[in-house]
Amino acid sequence: MAFEKICTLDDVWEGEMEEFTTGSGRDVLVVCVDGGRIKAFQSMCPHQEIALIDGSFEGGVITCKAHLWQFDSETGAGLNPTDCRIAQYPVEIRGEDVFVNVEGIEPCKSHT
């Protein structure tokens, strides 16, 4: 697996989300969920490829600003609607650095 440093733990605080770009040019949404755990997902809503960073993150739910599609910040599963999801990328924490691996994981797109 090709993990690469994307940010530090100081870049994303608990209850926040930020967008970063990998060295290969892939945009990644980094979310700090309850307990300070870091999750990483595709940065675009699968509906119409709107940047999720422009939406909101509240109560463990990522909401797209355009049509209010919602995703679970633990798994990337669609909450509204439920027949979609956002791709989740593996994360490793090394000291204060956050590494993600986007290799071989394609962003999800919706049929809706």
PDB file of N, CA and C in Angstrom:
ATOM      1  N   MET A   1       0.845  -1.184   0.000  1.00  0.00           N
ATOM      2  CA  MET A   1       0.000   0.000   0.000  1.00  0.00           C
ATOM      3  C   MET A   1       0.881   1.235   0.000  1.00  0.00           C
ATOM      4  N   ALA A   2       0.462   2.223  -0.745  1.00  0.00           N
ATOM      5  CA  ALA A   2       1.261   3.436  -0.907  1.00  0.00           C
ATOM      6  C   ALA A   2       0.698   4.574  -0.054  1.00  0.00           C
ATOM      7  N   PHE A   3       1.043   4.557   1.216  1.00  0.00           N
ATOM      8  CA  PHE A   3       0.596   5.636   2.097  1.00  0.00           C
ATOM      9  C   PHE A   3       1.453   6.871   1.847  1.00  0.00           C
ATOM     10  N   GLU A   4       0.808   8.047   1.861  1.00  0.00           N
ATOM     11  CA  GLU A   4       1.548   9.294   1.744  1.00  0.00           C
ATOM     12  C   GLU A   4       1.017  10.303   2.749  1.00  0.00           C
ATOM     13  N   LYS A   5       1.926  11.128   3.239  1.00  0.00           N
ATOM     14  CA  LYS A   5       1.539  12.143   4.219  1.00  0.00           C
ATOM     15  C   LYS A   5       0.628  13.155   3.542  1.00  0.00           C
ATOM     16  N   ILE A   6      -0.490  13.439   4.218  1.00  0.00           N
ATOM     17  CA  ILE A   6      -1.447  14.389   3.656  1.00  0.00           C
ATOM     18  C   ILE A   6      -1.604  15.622   4.536  1.00  0.00           C
ATOM     19  N   CYS A   7      -1.387  15.463   5.860  1.00  0.00           N
ATOM     20  CA  CYS A   7      -1.504  16.589   6.785  1.00  0.00           C
ATOM     21  C   CYS A   7      -0.959  16.164   8.146  1.00  0.00           C
ATOM     22  N   THR A   8      -1.122  17.019   9.140  1.00  0.00           N
ATOM     23  CA  THR A   8      -0.760  16.668  10.510  1.00  0.00           C
ATOM     24  C   THR A   8      -2.033  16.651  11.358  1.00  0.00           C
ATOM     25  N   LEU A   9      -1.936  16.099  12.544  1.00  0.00           N
ATOM     26  CA  LEU A   9      -3.090  16.063  13.444  1.00  0.00           C
ATOM     27  C   LEU A   9      -3.552  17.465  13.823  1.00  0.00           C
ATOM     28  N   ASP A  10      -2.654  18.432  13.819  1.00  0.00           N
ATOM     29  CA  ASP A  10      -3.019  19.818  14.133  1.00  0.00           C
ATOM     30  C   ASP A  10      -3.836  20.486  13.030  1.00  0.00           C
ATOM     31  N   ASP A  11      -3.842  19.894  11.837  1.00  0.00           N
ATOM     32  CA  ASP A  11      -4.566  20.491  10.706  1.00  0.00           C
ATOM     33  C   ASP A  11      -6.071  20.242  10.752  1.00  0.00           C
ATOM     34  N   VAL A  12      -6.500  19.213  11.497  1.00  0.00           N
ATOM     35  CA  VAL A  12      -7.921  18.875  11.567  1.00  0.00           C
ATOM     36  C   VAL A  12      -8.273  18.573  13.020  1.00  0.00           C
ATOM     37  N   TRP A  13      -9.104  19.397  13.609  1.00  0.00           N
ATOM     38  CA  TRP A  13      -9.493  19.225  15.008  1.00  0.00           C
ATOM     39  C   TRP A  13     -10.762  18.394  15.108  1.00  0.00           C
ATOM     40  N   GLU A  14     -10.983  17.843  16.267  1.00  0.00           N
ATOM     41  CA  GLU A  14     -12.161  17.020  16.501  1.00  0.00           C
ATOM     42  C   GLU A  14     -13.430  17.789  16.131  1.00  0.00           C
ATOM     43  N   GLY A  15     -14.297  17.131  15.352  1.00  0.00           N
ATOM     44  CA  GLY A  15     -15.540  17.752  14.909  1.00  0.00           C
ATOM     45  C   GLY A  15     -15.386  18.603  13.660  1.00  0.00           C
ATOM     46  N   GLU A  16     -14.202  18.570  13.036  1.00  0.00           N
ATOM     47  CA  GLU A  16     -13.958  19.367  11.831  1.00  0.00           C
ATOM     48  C   GLU A  16     -13.600  18.463  10.655  1.00  0.00           C
ATOM     49  N   MET A  17     -13.690  19.046   9.465  1.00  0.00           N
ATOM     50  CA  MET A  17     -13.236  18.377   8.249  1.00  0.00           C
ATOM     51  C   MET A  17     -12.455  19.385   7.417  1.00  0.00           C
ATOM     52  N   GLU A  18     -11.467  18.877   6.689  1.00  0.00           N
ATOM     53  CA  GLU A  18     -10.636  19.701   5.810  1.00  0.00           C
ATOM     54  C   GLU A  18     -10.355  18.901   4.545  1.00  0.00           C
ATOM     55  N   GLU A  19     -10.051  19.612   3.485  1.00  0.00           N
ATOM     56  CA  GLU A  19      -9.713  18.958   2.223  1.00  0.00           C
ATOM     57  C   GLU A  19      -8.234  19.144   1.945  1.00  0.00           C
ATOM     58  N   PHE A  20      -7.585  18.062   1.515  1.00  0.00           N
ATOM     59  CA  PHE A  20      -6.165  18.086   1.169  1.00  0.00           C
ATOM     60  C   PHE A  20      -5.979  17.359  -0.153  1.00  0.00           C
ATOM     61  N   THR A  21      -4.864  17.630  -0.817  1.00  0.00           N
ATOM     62  CA  THR A  21      -4.561  16.998  -2.098  1.00  0.00           C
ATOM     63  C   THR A  21      -3.323  16.133  -1.953  1.00  0.00           C
ATOM     64  N   THR A  22      -3.418  14.898  -2.428  1.00  0.00           N
ATOM     65  CA  THR A  22      -2.273  13.988  -2.379  1.00  0.00           C
ATOM     66  C   THR A  22      -1.242  14.411  -3.418  1.00  0.00           C
ATOM     67  N   GLY A  23      -0.067  13.825  -3.329  1.00  0.00           N
ATOM     68  CA  GLY A  23       0.982  14.093  -4.309  1.00  0.00           C
ATOM     69  C   GLY A  23       0.595  13.669  -5.711  1.00  0.00           C
ATOM     70  N   SER A  24      -0.337  12.704  -5.810  1.00  0.00           N
ATOM     71  CA  SER A  24      -0.800  12.241  -7.125  1.00  0.00           C
ATOM     72  C   SER A  24      -1.959  13.082  -7.657  1.00  0.00           C
ATOM     73  N   GLY A  25      -2.364  14.108  -6.881  1.00  0.00           N
ATOM     74  CA  GLY A  25      -3.411  15.009  -7.345  1.00  0.00           C
ATOM     75  C   GLY A  25      -4.820  14.635  -6.930  1.00  0.00           C
ATOM     76  N   ARG A  26      -4.994  13.636  -6.087  1.00  0.00           N
ATOM     77  CA  ARG A  26      -6.328  13.234  -5.632  1.00  0.00           C
ATOM     78  C   ARG A  26      -6.722  14.080  -4.434  1.00  0.00           C
ATOM     79  N   ASP A  27      -7.913  14.693  -4.491  1.00  0.00           N
ATOM     80  CA  ASP A  27      -8.435  15.453  -3.359  1.00  0.00           C
ATOM     81  C   ASP A  27      -9.049  14.491  -2.354  1.00  0.00           C
ATOM     82  N   VAL A  28      -8.751  14.724  -1.073  1.00  0.00           N
ATOM     83  CA  VAL A  28      -9.198  13.848   0.002  1.00  0.00           C
ATOM     84  C   VAL A  28      -9.836  14.699   1.094  1.00  0.00           C
ATOM     85  N   LEU A  29     -11.001  14.270   1.565  1.00  0.00           N
ATOM     86  CA  LEU A  29     -11.670  14.912   2.684  1.00  0.00           C
ATOM     87  C   LEU A  29     -11.224  14.194   3.956  1.00  0.00           C
ATOM     88  N   VAL A  30     -10.577  14.923   4.855  1.00  0.00           N
ATOM     89  CA  VAL A  30     -10.109  14.365   6.123  1.00  0.00           C
ATOM     90  C   VAL A  30     -11.044  14.862   7.212  1.00  0.00           C
ATOM     91  N   VAL A  31     -11.583  13.923   7.993  1.00  0.00           N
ATOM     92  CA  VAL A  31     -12.567  14.215   9.020  1.00  0.00           C
ATOM     93  C   VAL A  31     -12.028  13.732  10.359  1.00  0.00           C
ATOM     94  N   CYS A  32     -12.147  14.573  11.379  1.00  0.00           N
ATOM     95  CA  CYS A  32     -11.767  14.172  12.734  1.00  0.00           C
ATOM     96  C   CYS A  32     -13.050  13.913  13.518  1.00  0.00           C
ATOM     97  N   VAL A  33     -13.366  12.632  13.699  1.00  0.00           N
ATOM     98  CA  VAL A  33     -14.614  12.227  14.355  1.00  0.00           C
ATOM     99  C   VAL A  33     -14.443  12.237  15.875  1.00  0.00           C
ATOM    100  N   ASP A  34     -15.530  11.945  16.594  1.00  0.00           N
ATOM    101  CA  ASP A  34     -15.500  11.917  18.057  1.00  0.00           C
ATOM    102  C   ASP A  34     -14.338  11.073  18.563  1.00  0.00           C
ATOM    103  N   GLY A  35     -13.671  11.564  19.581  1.00  0.00           N
ATOM    104  CA  GLY A  35     -12.528  10.858  20.143  1.00  0.00           C
ATOM    105  C   GLY A  35     -11.230  11.190  19.450  1.00  0.00           C
ATOM    106  N   GLY A  36     -11.287  12.081  18.443  1.00  0.00           N
ATOM    107  CA  GLY A  36     -10.079  12.502  17.746  1.00  0.00           C
ATOM    108  C   GLY A  36      -9.588  11.537  16.687  1.00  0.00           C
ATOM    109  N   ARG A  37     -10.417  10.559  16.328  1.00  0.00           N
ATOM    110  CA  ARG A  37     -10.030   9.615  15.283  1.00  0.00           C
ATOM    111  C   ARG A  37     -10.126  10.274  13.913  1.00  0.00           C
ATOM    112  N   ILE A  38      -9.193   9.934  13.038  1.00  0.00           N
ATOM    113  CA  ILE A  38      -9.133  10.511  11.700  1.00  0.00           C
ATOM    114  C   ILE A  38      -9.685   9.524  10.683  1.00  0.00           C
ATOM    115  N   LYS A  39     -10.544  10.026   9.816  1.00  0.00           N
ATOM    116  CA  LYS A  39     -11.109   9.264   8.698  1.00  0.00           C
ATOM    117  C   LYS A  39     -10.816  10.042   7.414  1.00  0.00           C
ATOM    118  N   ALA A  40     -10.695   9.332   6.302  1.00  0.00           N
ATOM    119  CA  ALA A  40     -10.424   9.984   5.015  1.00  0.00           C
ATOM    120  C   ALA A  40     -11.370   9.429   3.954  1.00  0.00           C
ATOM    121  N   PHE A  41     -11.929  10.330   3.159  1.00  0.00           N
ATOM    122  CA  PHE A  41     -12.919   9.966   2.144  1.00  0.00           C
ATOM    123  C   PHE A  41     -12.665  10.736   0.844  1.00  0.00           C
ATOM    124  N   GLN A  42     -13.316  10.291  -0.218  1.00  0.00           N
ATOM    125  CA  GLN A  42     -13.299  11.076  -1.452  1.00  0.00           C
ATOM    126  C   GLN A  42     -13.852  12.454  -1.117  1.00  0.00           C
ATOM    127  N   SER A  43     -13.384  13.464  -1.812  1.00  0.00           N
ATOM    128  CA  SER A  43     -13.764  14.838  -1.458  1.00  0.00           C
ATOM    129  C   SER A  43     -15.013  15.330  -2.180  1.00  0.00           C
ATOM    130  N   MET A  44     -15.480  14.582  -3.161  1.00  0.00           N
ATOM    131  CA  MET A  44     -16.633  15.018  -3.960  1.00  0.00           C
ATOM    132  C   MET A  44     -17.871  14.181  -3.666  1.00  0.00           C
ATOM    133  N   CYS A  45     -19.004  14.843  -3.582  1.00  0.00           N
ATOM    134  CA  CYS A  45     -20.273  14.147  -3.435  1.00  0.00           C
ATOM    135  C   CYS A  45     -20.490  13.287  -4.680  1.00  0.00           C
ATOM    136  N   PRO A  46     -20.922  12.051  -4.523  1.00  0.00           N
ATOM    137  CA  PRO A  46     -21.111  11.194  -5.690  1.00  0.00           C
ATOM    138  C   PRO A  46     -22.284  11.608  -6.570  1.00  0.00           C
ATOM    139  N   HIS A  47     -23.127  12.493  -6.086  1.00  0.00           N
ATOM    140  CA  HIS A  47     -24.307  12.899  -6.838  1.00  0.00           C
ATOM    141  C   HIS A  47     -23.933  13.732  -8.053  1.00  0.00           C
ATOM    142  N   GLN A  48     -23.390  14.921  -7.819  1.00  0.00           N
ATOM    143  CA  GLN A  48     -23.019  15.795  -8.937  1.00  0.00           C
ATOM    144  C   GLN A  48     -21.619  16.359  -8.771  1.00  0.00           C
ATOM    145  N   GLU A  49     -20.780  15.632  -8.018  1.00  0.00           N
ATOM    146  CA  GLU A  49     -19.371  15.974  -7.822  1.00  0.00           C
ATOM    147  C   GLU A  49     -19.175  17.374  -7.250  1.00  0.00           C
ATOM    148  N   ILE A  50     -20.004  17.732  -6.285  1.00  0.00           N
ATOM    149  CA  ILE A  50     -19.860  18.983  -5.539  1.00  0.00           C
ATOM    150  C   ILE A  50     -18.878  18.726  -4.407  1.00  0.00           C
ATOM    151  N   ALA A  51     -17.997  19.685  -4.130  1.00  0.00           N
ATOM    152  CA  ALA A  51     -17.008  19.525  -3.063  1.00  0.00           C
ATOM    153  C   ALA A  51     -17.690  19.407  -1.703  1.00  0.00           C
ATOM    154  N   LEU A  52     -17.443  18.305  -1.006  1.00  0.00           N
ATOM    155  CA  LEU A  52     -18.049  18.094   0.305  1.00  0.00           C
ATOM    156  C   LEU A  52     -17.533  19.072   1.349  1.00  0.00           C
ATOM    157  N   ILE A  53     -16.347  19.618   1.155  1.00  0.00           N
ATOM    158  CA  ILE A  53     -15.791  20.582   2.105  1.00  0.00           C
ATOM    159  C   ILE A  53     -16.665  21.830   2.189  1.00  0.00           C
ATOM    160  N   ASP A  54     -17.441  22.107   1.155  1.00  0.00           N
ATOM    161  CA  ASP A  54     -18.331  23.270   1.153  1.00  0.00           C
ATOM    162  C   ASP A  54     -19.624  23.000   1.923  1.00  0.00           C
ATOM    163  N   GLY A  55     -19.826  21.744   2.332  1.00  0.00           N
ATOM    164  CA  GLY A  55     -21.008  21.376   3.092  1.00  0.00           C
ATOM    165  C   GLY A  55     -20.757  21.503   4.582  1.00  0.00           C
ATOM    166  N   SER A  56     -21.357  20.601   5.349  1.00  0.00           N
ATOM    167  CA  SER A  56     -21.214  20.673   6.808  1.00  0.00           C
ATOM    168  C   SER A  56     -20.874  19.307   7.386  1.00  0.00           C
ATOM    169  N   PHE A  57     -20.352  19.343   8.619  1.00  0.00           N
ATOM    170  CA  PHE A  57     -20.044  18.135   9.372  1.00  0.00           C
ATOM    171  C   PHE A  57     -20.551  18.339  10.787  1.00  0.00           C
ATOM    172  N   GLU A  58     -21.669  17.687  11.097  1.00  0.00           N
ATOM    173  CA  GLU A  58     -22.280  17.831  12.414  1.00  0.00           C
ATOM    174  C   GLU A  58     -22.832  16.490  12.876  1.00  0.00           C
ATOM    175  N   GLY A  59     -22.612  16.164  14.142  1.00  0.00           N
ATOM    176  CA  GLY A  59     -23.160  14.943  14.715  1.00  0.00           C
ATOM    177  C   GLY A  59     -22.729  13.686  13.994  1.00  0.00           C
ATOM    178  N   GLY A  60     -21.518  13.678  13.447  1.00  0.00           N
ATOM    179  CA  GLY A  60     -21.014  12.502  12.745  1.00  0.00           C
ATOM    180  C   GLY A  60     -21.533  12.350  11.335  1.00  0.00           C
ATOM    181  N   VAL A  61     -22.196  13.384  10.821  1.00  0.00           N
ATOM    182  CA  VAL A  61     -22.785  13.329   9.484  1.00  0.00           C
ATOM    183  C   VAL A  61     -22.155  14.394   8.585  1.00  0.00           C
ATOM    184  N   ILE A  62     -21.687  13.950   7.427  1.00  0.00           N
ATOM    185  CA  ILE A  62     -21.169  14.851   6.393  1.00  0.00           C
ATOM    186  C   ILE A  62     -22.325  15.156   5.455  1.00  0.00           C
ATOM    187  N   THR A  63     -22.623  16.449   5.254  1.00  0.00           N
ATOM    188  CA  THR A  63     -23.753  16.846   4.411  1.00  0.00           C
ATOM    189  C   THR A  63     -23.262  17.704   3.251  1.00  0.00           C
ATOM    190  N   CYS A  64     -23.633  17.328   2.044  1.00  0.00           N
ATOM    191  CA  CYS A  64     -23.296  18.105   0.847  1.00  0.00           C
ATOM    192  C   CYS A  64     -24.192  19.346   0.796  1.00  0.00           C
ATOM    193  N   LYS A  65     -23.613  20.466   0.435  1.00  0.00           N
ATOM    194  CA  LYS A  65     -24.372  21.719   0.418  1.00  0.00           C
ATOM    195  C   LYS A  65     -25.384  21.789  -0.726  1.00  0.00           C
ATOM    196  N   ALA A  66     -25.137  21.099  -1.823  1.00  0.00           N
ATOM    197  CA  ALA A  66     -25.962  21.270  -3.013  1.00  0.00           C
ATOM    198  C   ALA A  66     -27.373  20.691  -2.863  1.00  0.00           C
ATOM    199  N   HIS A  67     -27.465  19.425  -2.521  1.00  0.00           N
ATOM    200  CA  HIS A  67     -28.773  18.768  -2.452  1.00  0.00           C
ATOM    201  C   HIS A  67     -28.985  18.056  -1.125  1.00  0.00           C
ATOM    202  N   LEU A  68     -28.131  18.379  -0.158  1.00  0.00           N
ATOM    203  CA  LEU A  68     -28.232  17.877   1.216  1.00  0.00           C
ATOM    204  C   LEU A  68     -28.100  16.359   1.328  1.00  0.00           C
ATOM    205  N   TRP A  69     -27.349  15.746   0.408  1.00  0.00           N
ATOM    206  CA  TRP A  69     -27.044  14.329   0.558  1.00  0.00           C
ATOM    207  C   TRP A  69     -26.181  14.185   1.805  1.00  0.00           C
ATOM    208  N   GLN A  70     -26.376  13.093   2.561  1.00  0.00           N
ATOM    209  CA  GLN A  70     -25.672  12.909   3.827  1.00  0.00           C
ATOM    210  C   GLN A  70     -24.959  11.562   3.879  1.00  0.00           C
ATOM    211  N   PHE A  71     -23.799  11.579   4.575  1.00  0.00           N
ATOM    212  CA  PHE A  71     -22.944  10.401   4.652  1.00  0.00           C
ATOM    213  C   PHE A  71     -22.453  10.197   6.076  1.00  0.00           C
ATOM    214  N   ASP A  72     -22.351   8.930   6.478  1.00  0.00           N
ATOM    215  CA  ASP A  72     -21.850   8.556   7.798  1.00  0.00           C
ATOM    216  C   ASP A  72     -20.334   8.768   7.827  1.00  0.00           C
ATOM    217  N   SER A  73     -19.845   9.517   8.807  1.00  0.00           N
ATOM    218  CA  SER A  73     -18.415   9.821   8.877  1.00  0.00           C
ATOM    219  C   SER A  73     -17.582   8.647   9.396  1.00  0.00           C
ATOM    220  N   GLU A  74     -18.207   7.581   9.826  1.00  0.00           N
ATOM    221  CA  GLU A  74     -17.460   6.384  10.245  1.00  0.00           C
ATOM    222  C   GLU A  74     -17.191   5.460   9.062  1.00  0.00           C
ATOM    223  N   THR A  75     -18.150   5.371   8.139  1.00  0.00           N
ATOM    224  CA  THR A  75     -18.071   4.365   7.071  1.00  0.00           C
ATOM    225  C   THR A  75     -18.162   4.925   5.657  1.00  0.00           C
ATOM    226  N   GLY A  76     -18.679   6.134   5.507  1.00  0.00           N
ATOM    227  CA  GLY A  76     -18.916   6.693   4.180  1.00  0.00           C
ATOM    228  C   GLY A  76     -20.244   6.263   3.585  1.00  0.00           C
ATOM    229  N   ALA A  77     -21.015   5.464   4.307  1.00  0.00           N
ATOM    230  CA  ALA A  77     -22.309   4.986   3.816  1.00  0.00           C
ATOM    231  C   ALA A  77     -23.293   6.144   3.680  1.00  0.00           C
ATOM    232  N   GLY A  78     -24.125   6.074   2.657  1.00  0.00           N
ATOM    233  CA  GLY A  78     -25.149   7.082   2.464  1.00  0.00           C
ATOM    234  C   GLY A  78     -26.232   6.982   3.520  1.00  0.00           C
ATOM    235  N   LEU A  79     -26.611   8.114   4.073  1.00  0.00           N
ATOM    236  CA  LEU A  79     -27.706   8.171   5.042  1.00  0.00           C
ATOM    237  C   LEU A  79     -28.958   8.735   4.399  1.00  0.00           C
ATOM    238  N   ASN A  80     -28.758   9.651   3.458  1.00  0.00           N
ATOM    239  CA  ASN A  80     -29.860  10.279   2.738  1.00  0.00           C
ATOM    240  C   ASN A  80     -29.341  10.742   1.383  1.00  0.00           C
ATOM    241  N   PRO A  81     -29.563   9.974   0.334  1.00  0.00           N
ATOM    242  CA  PRO A  81     -30.256   8.694   0.258  1.00  0.00           C
ATOM    243  C   PRO A  81     -29.350   7.553   0.743  1.00  0.00           C
ATOM    244  N   THR A  82     -29.940   6.400   0.924  1.00  0.00           N
ATOM    245  CA  THR A  82     -29.195   5.259   1.453  1.00  0.00           C
ATOM    246  C   THR A  82     -28.561   4.386   0.372  1.00  0.00           C
ATOM    247  N   ASP A  83     -28.849   4.646  -0.892  1.00  0.00           N
ATOM    248  CA  ASP A  83     -28.314   3.808  -1.967  1.00  0.00           C
ATOM    249  C   ASP A  83     -27.059   4.397  -2.599  1.00  0.00           C
ATOM    250  N   CYS A  84     -26.276   5.124  -1.803  1.00  0.00           N
ATOM    251  CA  CYS A  84     -25.028   5.692  -2.293  1.00  0.00           C
ATOM    252  C   CYS A  84     -23.997   5.617  -1.174  1.00  0.00           C
ATOM    253  N   ARG A  85     -22.787   6.046  -1.480  1.00  0.00           N
ATOM    254  CA  ARG A  85     -21.722   6.095  -0.474  1.00  0.00           C
ATOM    255  C   ARG A  85     -20.579   6.948  -1.009  1.00  0.00           C
ATOM    256  N   ILE A  86     -19.645   7.302  -0.125  1.00  0.00           N
ATOM    257  CA  ILE A  86     -18.403   7.941  -0.548  1.00  0.00           C
ATOM    258  C   ILE A  86     -17.271   6.974  -0.227  1.00  0.00           C
ATOM    259  N   ALA A  87     -16.277   6.926  -1.109  1.00  0.00           N
ATOM    260  CA  ALA A  87     -15.154   6.012  -0.919  1.00  0.00           C
ATOM    261  C   ALA A  87     -14.345   6.420   0.305  1.00  0.00           C
ATOM    262  N   GLN A  88     -13.976   5.410   1.089  1.00  0.00           N
ATOM    263  CA  GLN A  88     -13.148   5.645   2.268  1.00  0.00           C
ATOM    264  C   GLN A  88     -11.732   5.161   1.976  1.00  0.00           C
ATOM    265  N   TYR A  89     -10.745   5.945   2.412  1.00  0.00           N
ATOM    266  CA  TYR A  89      -9.350   5.600   2.203  1.00  0.00           C
ATOM    267  C   TYR A  89      -8.706   5.175   3.523  1.00  0.00           C
ATOM    268  N   PRO A  90      -7.812   4.190   3.478  1.00  0.00           N
ATOM    269  CA  PRO A  90      -7.094   3.790   4.684  1.00  0.00           C
ATOM    270  C   PRO A  90      -6.239   4.942   5.226  1.00  0.00           C
ATOM    271  N   VAL A  91      -6.184   5.022   6.554  1.00  0.00           N
ATOM    272  CA  VAL A  91      -5.439   6.082   7.244  1.00  0.00           C
ATOM    273  C   VAL A  91      -4.455   5.443   8.207  1.00  0.00           C
ATOM    274  N   GLU A  92      -3.262   6.025   8.293  1.00  0.00           N
ATOM    275  CA  GLU A  92      -2.275   5.669   9.310  1.00  0.00           C
ATOM    276  C   GLU A  92      -1.811   6.948   9.988  1.00  0.00           C
ATOM    277  N   ILE A  93      -1.680   6.893  11.304  1.00  0.00           N
ATOM    278  CA  ILE A  93      -1.130   8.014  12.059  1.00  0.00           C
ATOM    279  C   ILE A  93       0.279   7.615  12.467  1.00  0.00           C
ATOM    280  N   ARG A  94       1.242   8.445  12.105  1.00  0.00           N
ATOM    281  CA  ARG A  94       2.644   8.212  12.463  1.00  0.00           C
ATOM    282  C   ARG A  94       3.127   9.441  13.208  1.00  0.00           C
ATOM    283  N   GLY A  95       3.202   9.314  14.522  1.00  0.00           N
ATOM    284  CA  GLY A  95       3.537  10.476  15.334  1.00  0.00           C
ATOM    285  C   GLY A  95       2.413  11.487  15.232  1.00  0.00           C
ATOM    286  N   GLU A  96       2.716  12.667  14.710  1.00  0.00           N
ATOM    287  CA  GLU A  96       1.708  13.723  14.509  1.00  0.00           C
ATOM    288  C   GLU A  96       1.253  13.825  13.066  1.00  0.00           C
ATOM    289  N   ASP A  97       1.772  12.952  12.209  1.00  0.00           N
ATOM    290  CA  ASP A  97       1.468  13.015  10.782  1.00  0.00           C
ATOM    291  C   ASP A  97       0.356  12.060  10.386  1.00  0.00           C
ATOM    292  N   VAL A  98      -0.489  12.511   9.446  1.00  0.00           N
ATOM    293  CA  VAL A  98      -1.596  11.710   8.920  1.00  0.00           C
ATOM    294  C   VAL A  98      -1.224  11.250   7.510  1.00  0.00           C
ATOM    295  N   PHE A  99      -1.248   9.937   7.316  1.00  0.00           N
ATOM    296  CA  PHE A  99      -0.954   9.341   6.022  1.00  0.00           C
ATOM    297  C   PHE A  99      -2.225   8.675   5.497  1.00  0.00           C
ATOM    298  N   VAL A 100      -2.466   8.790   4.189  1.00  0.00           N
ATOM    299  CA  VAL A 100      -3.592   8.107   3.557  1.00  0.00           C
ATOM    300  C   VAL A 100      -3.097   7.317   2.354  1.00  0.00           C
ATOM    301  N   ASN A 101      -3.879   6.325   1.974  1.00  0.00           N
ATOM    302  CA  ASN A 101      -3.581   5.532   0.790  1.00  0.00           C
ATOM    303  C   ASN A 101      -4.790   5.562  -0.131  1.00  0.00           C
ATOM    304  N   VAL A 102      -4.650   6.207  -1.270  1.00  0.00           N
ATOM    305  CA  VAL A 102      -5.748   6.276  -2.246  1.00  0.00           C
ATOM    306  C   VAL A 102      -5.554   5.290  -3.395  1.00  0.00           C
ATOM    307  N   GLU A 103      -4.440   4.583  -3.373  1.00  0.00           N
ATOM    308  CA  GLU A 103      -4.086   3.679  -4.463  1.00  0.00           C
ATOM    309  C   GLU A 103      -5.131   2.585  -4.654  1.00  0.00           C
ATOM    310  N   GLY A 104      -5.639   2.472  -5.863  1.00  0.00           N
ATOM    311  CA  GLY A 104      -6.579   1.418  -6.203  1.00  0.00           C
ATOM    312  C   GLY A 104      -8.013   1.630  -5.724  1.00  0.00           C
ATOM    313  N   ILE A 105      -8.296   2.770  -5.109  1.00  0.00           N
ATOM    314  CA  ILE A 105      -9.648   3.050  -4.625  1.00  0.00           C
ATOM    315  C   ILE A 105     -10.230   4.185  -5.460  1.00  0.00           C
ATOM    316  N   GLU A 106     -11.240   3.870  -6.226  1.00  0.00           N
ATOM    317  CA  GLU A 106     -11.860   4.870  -7.090  1.00  0.00           C
ATOM    318  C   GLU A 106     -12.987   5.593  -6.349  1.00  0.00           C
ATOM    319  N   PRO A 107     -13.113   6.899  -6.546  1.00  0.00           N
ATOM    320  CA  PRO A 107     -14.245   7.619  -5.956  1.00  0.00           C
ATOM    321  C   PRO A 107     -15.567   7.046  -6.449  1.00  0.00           C
ATOM    322  N   CYS A 108     -16.537   7.012  -5.569  1.00  0.00           N
ATOM    323  CA  CYS A 108     -17.871   6.499  -5.913  1.00  0.00           C
ATOM    324  C   CYS A 108     -18.654   7.560  -6.696  1.00  0.00           C
ATOM    325  N   LYS A 109     -19.485   7.073  -7.583  1.00  0.00           N
ATOM    326  CA  LYS A 109     -20.414   7.931  -8.324  1.00  0.00           C
ATOM    327  C   LYS A 109     -21.789   7.332  -8.171  1.00  0.00           C
ATOM    328  N   SER A 110     -22.793   8.193  -8.161  1.00  0.00           N
ATOM    329  CA  SER A 110     -24.156   7.739  -7.914  1.00  0.00           C
ATOM    330  C   SER A 110     -24.927   7.589  -9.223  1.00  0.00           C
ATOM    331  N   HIS A 111     -25.852   6.672  -9.192  1.00  0.00           N
ATOM    332  CA  HIS A 111     -26.739   6.485 -10.341  1.00  0.00           C
ATOM    333  C   HIS A 111     -27.945   7.410 -10.250  1.00  0.00           C
ATOM    334  N   THR A 112     -28.155   8.038  -9.082  1.00  0.00           N
ATOM    335  CA  THR A 112     -29.342   8.870  -8.847  1.00  0.00           C
ATOM    336  C   THR A 112     -29.121  10.278  -9.357  1.00  0.00           C
TER     337      THR A 112
END
